[in-house]
PDB file of N, CA and C in Angstrom:
ATOM      1  N   UNK A   1      -6.995  20.403 -33.678  1.00  0.00           N
ATOM      2  CA  UNK A   1      -6.439  19.132 -33.233  1.00  0.00           C
ATOM      3  C   UNK A   1      -4.908  19.343 -33.427  1.00  0.00           C
ATOM      4  N   UNK A   2      -4.103  19.211 -32.460  1.00  0.00           N
ATOM      5  CA  UNK A   2      -2.612  19.346 -32.610  1.00  0.00           C
ATOM      6  C   UNK A   2      -2.060  18.177 -33.331  1.00  0.00           C
ATOM      7  N   UNK A   3      -0.954  18.332 -33.889  1.00  0.00           N
ATOM      8  CA  UNK A   3      -0.225  17.248 -34.629  1.00  0.00           C
ATOM      9  C   UNK A   3      -0.078  16.030 -33.816  1.00  0.00           C
ATOM     10  N   UNK A   4      -0.549  14.844 -34.343  1.00  0.00           N
ATOM     11  CA  UNK A   4      -0.462  13.684 -33.832  1.00  0.00           C
ATOM     12  C   UNK A   4      -1.166  13.401 -32.470  1.00  0.00           C
ATOM     13  N   UNK A   5      -2.113  14.414 -32.144  1.00  0.00           N
ATOM     14  CA  UNK A   5      -2.882  14.248 -30.894  1.00  0.00           C
ATOM     15  C   UNK A   5      -4.013  13.190 -31.162  1.00  0.00           C
ATOM     16  N   UNK A   6      -4.151  12.261 -30.176  1.00  0.00           N
ATOM     17  CA  UNK A   6      -5.193  11.165 -30.356  1.00  0.00           C
ATOM     18  C   UNK A   6      -6.501  11.690 -29.777  1.00  0.00           C
ATOM     19  N   UNK A   7      -7.667  11.370 -30.458  1.00  0.00           N
ATOM     20  CA  UNK A   7      -8.931  11.636 -29.895  1.00  0.00           C
ATOM     21  C   UNK A   7      -9.649  10.339 -29.784  1.00  0.00           C
ATOM     22  N   UNK A   8     -10.508  10.235 -28.815  1.00  0.00           N
ATOM     23  CA  UNK A   8     -11.334   9.079 -28.613  1.00  0.00           C
ATOM     24  C   UNK A   8     -12.652   9.198 -29.319  1.00  0.00           C
ATOM     25  N   UNK A   9     -13.070   8.163 -30.090  1.00  0.00           N
ATOM     26  CA  UNK A   9     -14.251   8.145 -30.867  1.00  0.00           C
ATOM     27  C   UNK A   9     -15.145   6.967 -30.410  1.00  0.00           C
ATOM     28  N   UNK A  10     -16.325   7.232 -29.791  1.00  0.00           N
ATOM     29  CA  UNK A  10     -17.156   6.149 -29.336  1.00  0.00           C
ATOM     30  C   UNK A  10     -18.205   5.912 -30.400  1.00  0.00           C
ATOM     31  N   UNK A  11     -18.293   4.599 -30.896  1.00  0.00           N
ATOM     32  CA  UNK A  11     -19.219   4.347 -31.929  1.00  0.00           C
ATOM     33  C   UNK A  11     -20.257   3.461 -31.485  1.00  0.00           C
ATOM     34  N   UNK A  12     -21.440   3.683 -32.014  1.00  0.00           N
ATOM     35  CA  UNK A  12     -22.627   2.839 -31.676  1.00  0.00           C
ATOM     36  C   UNK A  12     -23.286   2.441 -32.983  1.00  0.00           C
ATOM     37  N   UNK A  13     -24.055   1.436 -32.973  1.00  0.00           N
ATOM     38  CA  UNK A  13     -24.733   1.081 -34.199  1.00  0.00           C
ATOM     39  C   UNK A  13     -25.574   2.251 -34.643  1.00  0.00           C
ATOM     40  N   UNK A  14     -25.400   2.492 -36.016  1.00  0.00           N
ATOM     41  CA  UNK A  14     -25.969   3.731 -36.651  1.00  0.00           C
ATOM     42  C   UNK A  14     -25.235   4.954 -36.587  1.00  0.00           C
ATOM     43  N   UNK A  15     -24.058   4.986 -35.986  1.00  0.00           N
ATOM     44  CA  UNK A  15     -23.266   6.133 -35.902  1.00  0.00           C
ATOM     45  C   UNK A  15     -22.696   6.437 -37.298  1.00  0.00           C
ATOM     46  N   UNK A  16     -22.779   7.738 -37.621  1.00  0.00           N
ATOM     47  CA  UNK A  16     -22.051   8.225 -38.861  1.00  0.00           C
ATOM     48  C   UNK A  16     -20.772   8.864 -38.452  1.00  0.00           C
ATOM     49  N   UNK A  17     -19.679   8.429 -38.945  1.00  0.00           N
ATOM     50  CA  UNK A  17     -18.338   8.990 -38.739  1.00  0.00           C
ATOM     51  C   UNK A  17     -17.840   9.600 -40.063  1.00  0.00           C
ATOM     52  N   UNK A  18     -17.522  10.904 -40.085  1.00  0.00           N
ATOM     53  CA  UNK A  18     -16.991  11.533 -41.217  1.00  0.00           C
ATOM     54  C   UNK A  18     -15.675  12.230 -40.758  1.00  0.00           C
ATOM     55  N   UNK A  19     -14.635  12.062 -41.625  1.00  0.00           N
ATOM     56  CA  UNK A  19     -13.278  12.772 -41.398  1.00  0.00           C
ATOM     57  C   UNK A  19     -12.987  13.400 -42.667  1.00  0.00           C
ATOM     58  N   UNK A  20     -12.681  14.736 -42.494  1.00  0.00           N
ATOM     59  CA  UNK A  20     -12.300  15.595 -43.729  1.00  0.00           C
ATOM     60  C   UNK A  20     -10.896  15.258 -44.051  1.00  0.00           C
ATOM     61  N   UNK A  21     -10.469  15.826 -45.237  1.00  0.00           N
ATOM     62  CA  UNK A  21      -9.117  15.698 -45.640  1.00  0.00           C
ATOM     63  C   UNK A  21      -8.165  16.468 -44.731  1.00  0.00           C
ATOM     64  N   UNK A  22      -8.670  17.357 -43.938  1.00  0.00           N
ATOM     65  CA  UNK A  22      -7.781  18.080 -42.990  1.00  0.00           C
ATOM     66  C   UNK A  22      -7.776  17.459 -41.580  1.00  0.00           C
ATOM     67  N   UNK A  23      -8.503  16.334 -41.435  1.00  0.00           N
ATOM     68  CA  UNK A  23      -8.478  15.623 -40.110  1.00  0.00           C
ATOM     69  C   UNK A  23      -9.587  16.074 -39.151  1.00  0.00           C
ATOM     70  N   UNK A  24     -10.540  16.795 -39.657  1.00  0.00           N
ATOM     71  CA  UNK A  24     -11.628  17.186 -38.791  1.00  0.00           C
ATOM     72  C   UNK A  24     -12.618  16.060 -38.645  1.00  0.00           C
ATOM     73  N   UNK A  25     -12.983  15.765 -37.436  1.00  0.00           N
ATOM     74  CA  UNK A  25     -13.874  14.600 -37.135  1.00  0.00           C
ATOM     75  C   UNK A  25     -15.260  15.005 -36.770  1.00  0.00           C
ATOM     76  N   UNK A  26     -16.243  14.387 -37.458  1.00  0.00           N
ATOM     77  CA  UNK A  26     -17.638  14.656 -37.246  1.00  0.00           C
ATOM     78  C   UNK A  26     -18.276  13.282 -36.936  1.00  0.00           C
ATOM     79  N   UNK A  27     -18.941  13.130 -35.704  1.00  0.00           N
ATOM     80  CA  UNK A  27     -19.595  11.942 -35.285  1.00  0.00           C
ATOM     81  C   UNK A  27     -21.010  12.315 -35.031  1.00  0.00           C
ATOM     82  N   UNK A  28     -21.968  11.566 -35.670  1.00  0.00           N
ATOM     83  CA  UNK A  28     -23.340  11.863 -35.383  1.00  0.00           C
ATOM     84  C   UNK A  28     -24.071  10.483 -35.444  1.00  0.00           C
ATOM     85  N   UNK A  29     -25.079  10.415 -34.606  1.00  0.00           N
ATOM     86  CA  UNK A  29     -25.889   9.216 -34.517  1.00  0.00           C
ATOM     87  C   UNK A  29     -27.287   9.659 -34.434  1.00  0.00           C
ATOM     88  N   UNK A  30     -28.018   9.678 -35.585  1.00  0.00           N
ATOM     89  CA  UNK A  30     -29.407  10.023 -35.576  1.00  0.00           C
ATOM     90  C   UNK A  30     -30.358   9.159 -34.819  1.00  0.00           C
ATOM     91  N   UNK A  31     -29.938   7.869 -34.479  1.00  0.00           N
ATOM     92  CA  UNK A  31     -30.723   6.914 -33.797  1.00  0.00           C
ATOM     93  C   UNK A  31     -30.622   6.876 -32.312  1.00  0.00           C
ATOM     94  N   UNK A  32     -29.525   7.252 -31.805  1.00  0.00           N
ATOM     95  CA  UNK A  32     -29.308   7.140 -30.373  1.00  0.00           C
ATOM     96  C   UNK A  32     -28.900   8.473 -29.742  1.00  0.00           C
ATOM     97  N   UNK A  33     -29.093   8.670 -28.553  1.00  0.00           N
ATOM     98  CA  UNK A  33     -28.821   9.937 -27.810  1.00  0.00           C
ATOM     99  C   UNK A  33     -27.826   9.608 -26.675  1.00  0.00           C
ATOM    100  N   UNK A  34     -27.052   8.443 -26.853  1.00  0.00           N
ATOM    101  CA  UNK A  34     -26.075   8.116 -25.756  1.00  0.00           C
ATOM    102  C   UNK A  34     -24.718   8.508 -26.187  1.00  0.00           C
ATOM    103  N   UNK A  35     -24.528   9.472 -26.944  1.00  0.00           N
ATOM    104  CA  UNK A  35     -23.206   9.804 -27.544  1.00  0.00           C
ATOM    105  C   UNK A  35     -22.124   9.911 -26.453  1.00  0.00           C
ATOM    106  N   UNK A  36     -21.021   9.444 -26.765  1.00  0.00           N
ATOM    107  CA  UNK A  36     -19.760   9.456 -25.909  1.00  0.00           C
ATOM    108  C   UNK A  36     -19.895   8.718 -24.660  1.00  0.00           C
ATOM    109  N   UNK A  37     -20.880   7.870 -24.533  1.00  0.00           N
ATOM    110  CA  UNK A  37     -20.946   6.981 -23.318  1.00  0.00           C
ATOM    111  C   UNK A  37     -20.256   5.687 -23.626  1.00  0.00           C
ATOM    112  N   UNK A  38     -19.163   5.471 -23.083  1.00  0.00           N
ATOM    113  CA  UNK A  38     -18.275   4.262 -23.277  1.00  0.00           C
ATOM    114  C   UNK A  38     -19.086   2.988 -23.068  1.00  0.00           C
ATOM    115  N   UNK A  39     -19.880   2.983 -22.020  1.00  0.00           N
ATOM    116  CA  UNK A  39     -20.645   1.777 -21.666  1.00  0.00           C
ATOM    117  C   UNK A  39     -21.696   1.373 -22.708  1.00  0.00           C
ATOM    118  N   UNK A  40     -22.112   2.358 -23.499  1.00  0.00           N
ATOM    119  CA  UNK A  40     -23.171   2.085 -24.574  1.00  0.00           C
ATOM    120  C   UNK A  40     -22.491   1.965 -25.911  1.00  0.00           C
ATOM    121  N   UNK A  41     -21.225   1.868 -25.984  1.00  0.00           N
ATOM    122  CA  UNK A  41     -20.441   1.808 -27.194  1.00  0.00           C
ATOM    123  C   UNK A  41     -20.423   0.322 -27.770  1.00  0.00           C
ATOM    124  N   UNK A  42     -20.430   0.296 -29.140  1.00  0.00           N
ATOM    125  CA  UNK A  42     -20.235  -0.985 -29.811  1.00  0.00           C
ATOM    126  C   UNK A  42     -18.694  -1.014 -30.172  1.00  0.00           C
ATOM    127  N   UNK A  43     -18.086   0.046 -30.240  1.00  0.00           N
ATOM    128  CA  UNK A  43     -16.611   0.043 -30.416  1.00  0.00           C
ATOM    129  C   UNK A  43     -16.051   1.425 -30.024  1.00  0.00           C
ATOM    130  N   UNK A  44     -14.790   1.446 -29.564  1.00  0.00           N
ATOM    131  CA  UNK A  44     -14.193   2.585 -29.175  1.00  0.00           C
ATOM    132  C   UNK A  44     -12.843   2.650 -29.967  1.00  0.00           C
ATOM    133  N   UNK A  45     -12.657   3.869 -30.757  1.00  0.00           N
ATOM    134  CA  UNK A  45     -11.405   3.938 -31.537  1.00  0.00           C
ATOM    135  C   UNK A  45     -10.620   5.221 -30.968  1.00  0.00           C
ATOM    136  N   UNK A  46      -9.363   5.062 -31.269  1.00  0.00           N
ATOM    137  CA  UNK A  46      -8.462   6.213 -31.058  1.00  0.00           C
ATOM    138  C   UNK A  46      -8.093   6.706 -32.548  1.00  0.00           C
ATOM    139  N   UNK A  47      -8.091   7.982 -32.726  1.00  0.00           N
ATOM    140  CA  UNK A  47      -7.852   8.488 -34.124  1.00  0.00           C
ATOM    141  C   UNK A  47      -6.770   9.636 -33.947  1.00  0.00           C
ATOM    142  N   UNK A  48      -5.889   9.690 -34.910  1.00  0.00           N
ATOM    143  CA  UNK A  48      -4.897  10.809 -34.960  1.00  0.00           C
ATOM    144  C   UNK A  48      -4.667  11.051 -36.467  1.00  0.00           C
ATOM    145  N   UNK A  49      -4.354  12.292 -36.784  1.00  0.00           N
ATOM    146  CA  UNK A  49      -4.123  12.732 -38.136  1.00  0.00           C
ATOM    147  C   UNK A  49      -2.767  13.340 -38.171  1.00  0.00           C
ATOM    148  N   UNK A  50      -1.933  12.812 -39.095  1.00  0.00           N
ATOM    149  CA  UNK A  50      -0.588  13.393 -39.300  1.00  0.00           C
ATOM    150  C   UNK A  50      -0.635  14.153 -40.558  1.00  0.00           C
ATOM    151  N   UNK A  51      -0.741  15.425 -40.442  1.00  0.00           N
ATOM    152  CA  UNK A  51      -0.853  16.325 -41.569  1.00  0.00           C
ATOM    153  C   UNK A  51       0.347  16.348 -42.482  1.00  0.00           C
ATOM    154  N   UNK A  52       1.483  16.205 -41.903  1.00  0.00           N
ATOM    155  CA  UNK A  52       2.759  16.191 -42.703  1.00  0.00           C
ATOM    156  C   UNK A  52       2.777  15.044 -43.716  1.00  0.00           C
ATOM    157  N   UNK A  53       2.237  13.925 -43.313  1.00  0.00           N
ATOM    158  CA  UNK A  53       2.215  12.687 -44.171  1.00  0.00           C
ATOM    159  C   UNK A  53       0.862  12.539 -44.817  1.00  0.00           C
ATOM    160  N   UNK A  54      -0.132  13.368 -44.403  1.00  0.00           N
ATOM    161  CA  UNK A  54      -1.475  13.189 -44.993  1.00  0.00           C
ATOM    162  C   UNK A  54      -2.091  11.889 -44.608  1.00  0.00           C
ATOM    163  N   UNK A  55      -1.813  11.441 -43.364  1.00  0.00           N
ATOM    164  CA  UNK A  55      -2.150  10.069 -42.978  1.00  0.00           C
ATOM    165  C   UNK A  55      -3.113  10.089 -41.793  1.00  0.00           C
ATOM    166  N   UNK A  56      -4.253   9.316 -41.983  1.00  0.00           N
ATOM    167  CA  UNK A  56      -5.267   9.112 -40.919  1.00  0.00           C
ATOM    168  C   UNK A  56      -5.009   7.833 -40.236  1.00  0.00           C
ATOM    169  N   UNK A  57      -4.867   7.736 -38.947  1.00  0.00           N
ATOM    170  CA  UNK A  57      -4.493   6.574 -38.210  1.00  0.00           C
ATOM    171  C   UNK A  57      -5.682   6.259 -37.240  1.00  0.00           C
ATOM    172  N   UNK A  58      -6.149   4.957 -37.253  1.00  0.00           N
ATOM    173  CA  UNK A  58      -7.232   4.497 -36.413  1.00  0.00           C
ATOM    174  C   UNK A  58      -6.731   3.382 -35.664  1.00  0.00           C
ATOM    175  N   UNK A  59      -7.081   3.262 -34.333  1.00  0.00           N
ATOM    176  CA  UNK A  59      -6.781   2.145 -33.530  1.00  0.00           C
ATOM    177  C   UNK A  59      -7.889   1.701 -32.740  1.00  0.00           C
ATOM    178  N   UNK A  60      -8.317   0.460 -32.900  1.00  0.00           N
ATOM    179  CA  UNK A  60      -9.457  -0.154 -32.106  1.00  0.00           C
ATOM    180  C   UNK A  60      -8.983  -0.417 -30.651  1.00  0.00           C
ATOM    181  N   UNK A  61      -9.694   0.248 -29.728  1.00  0.00           N
ATOM    182  CA  UNK A  61      -9.350   0.161 -28.285  1.00  0.00           C
ATOM    183  C   UNK A  61     -10.292  -0.871 -27.611  1.00  0.00           C
ATOM    184  N   UNK A  62     -11.522  -0.735 -27.854  1.00  0.00           N
ATOM    185  CA  UNK A  62     -12.476  -1.583 -26.988  1.00  0.00           C
ATOM    186  C   UNK A  62     -13.487  -2.207 -28.081  1.00  0.00           C
ATOM    187  N   UNK A  63     -13.281  -3.418 -28.456  1.00  0.00           N
ATOM    188  CA  UNK A  63     -14.342  -4.130 -29.324  1.00  0.00           C
ATOM    189  C   UNK A  63     -15.386  -4.625 -28.356  1.00  0.00           C
ATOM    190  N   UNK A  64     -16.603  -4.808 -28.903  1.00  0.00           N
ATOM    191  CA  UNK A  64     -17.714  -5.375 -28.197  1.00  0.00           C
ATOM    192  C   UNK A  64     -17.869  -6.823 -28.359  1.00  0.00           C
ATOM    193  N   UNK A  65     -17.357  -7.438 -29.383  1.00  0.00           N
ATOM    194  CA  UNK A  65     -17.547  -8.850 -29.742  1.00  0.00           C
ATOM    195  C   UNK A  65     -17.289  -9.756 -28.572  1.00  0.00           C
ATOM    196  N   UNK A  66     -18.092 -10.688 -28.270  1.00  0.00           N
ATOM    197  CA  UNK A  66     -17.880 -11.469 -27.153  1.00  0.00           C
ATOM    198  C   UNK A  66     -17.231 -12.849 -27.777  1.00  0.00           C
ATOM    199  N   UNK A  67     -15.995 -12.959 -27.495  1.00  0.00           N
ATOM    200  CA  UNK A  67     -15.212 -14.105 -28.064  1.00  0.00           C
ATOM    201  C   UNK A  67     -15.141 -15.287 -27.092  1.00  0.00           C
ATOM    202  N   UNK A  68     -15.882 -15.183 -25.979  1.00  0.00           N
ATOM    203  CA  UNK A  68     -15.819 -16.335 -24.904  1.00  0.00           C
ATOM    204  C   UNK A  68     -16.671 -17.413 -25.307  1.00  0.00           C
ATOM    205  N   UNK A  69     -17.695 -17.275 -26.200  1.00  0.00           N
ATOM    206  CA  UNK A  69     -18.669 -18.334 -26.431  1.00  0.00           C
ATOM    207  C   UNK A  69     -18.153 -19.418 -27.409  1.00  0.00           C
ATOM    208  N   UNK A  70     -17.005 -19.108 -28.091  1.00  0.00           N
ATOM    209  CA  UNK A  70     -16.538 -20.149 -29.069  1.00  0.00           C
ATOM    210  C   UNK A  70     -15.028 -20.171 -28.894  1.00  0.00           C
ATOM    211  N   UNK A  71     -14.510 -21.434 -29.109  1.00  0.00           N
ATOM    212  CA  UNK A  71     -13.031 -21.562 -29.186  1.00  0.00           C
ATOM    213  C   UNK A  71     -12.421 -21.006 -30.478  1.00  0.00           C
ATOM    214  N   UNK A  72     -13.114 -21.287 -31.542  1.00  0.00           N
ATOM    215  CA  UNK A  72     -12.662 -20.898 -32.824  1.00  0.00           C
ATOM    216  C   UNK A  72     -13.814 -20.119 -33.638  1.00  0.00           C
ATOM    217  N   UNK A  73     -13.352 -18.949 -34.186  1.00  0.00           N
ATOM    218  CA  UNK A  73     -14.286 -18.220 -35.008  1.00  0.00           C
ATOM    219  C   UNK A  73     -14.077 -18.582 -36.509  1.00  0.00           C
ATOM    220  N   UNK A  74     -15.114 -18.687 -37.297  1.00  0.00           N
ATOM    221  CA  UNK A  74     -15.058 -18.860 -38.685  1.00  0.00           C
ATOM    222  C   UNK A  74     -15.747 -17.676 -39.348  1.00  0.00           C
ATOM    223  N   UNK A  75     -15.512 -17.574 -40.686  1.00  0.00           N
ATOM    224  CA  UNK A  75     -16.153 -16.543 -41.433  1.00  0.00           C
ATOM    225  C   UNK A  75     -17.597 -16.651 -41.358  1.00  0.00           C
ATOM    226  N   UNK A  76     -18.346 -15.587 -41.172  1.00  0.00           N
ATOM    227  CA  UNK A  76     -19.799 -15.452 -41.136  1.00  0.00           C
ATOM    228  C   UNK A  76     -20.443 -16.157 -39.951  1.00  0.00           C
ATOM    229  N   UNK A  77     -19.670 -16.396 -38.800  1.00  0.00           N
ATOM    230  CA  UNK A  77     -20.387 -16.956 -37.705  1.00  0.00           C
ATOM    231  C   UNK A  77     -20.713 -15.944 -36.659  1.00  0.00           C
TER     232      UNK A  77
END
């Protein structure tokens, strides 16, 4: 992975996401075989690693939560 290059990580329920101290990304999902299918995703993240700063950066791109059914969300709803 080149410095500050973003990679797309597609997450589904049950996905295991591991990132090493060097920024190597390992995504596995023992429960589903739909890996990397955006339409089957529960969330899509963009990830980049800045080795100079030792910093891992994640950005949520596509959440799955349906916020249309309520005007206001409260904790635990």
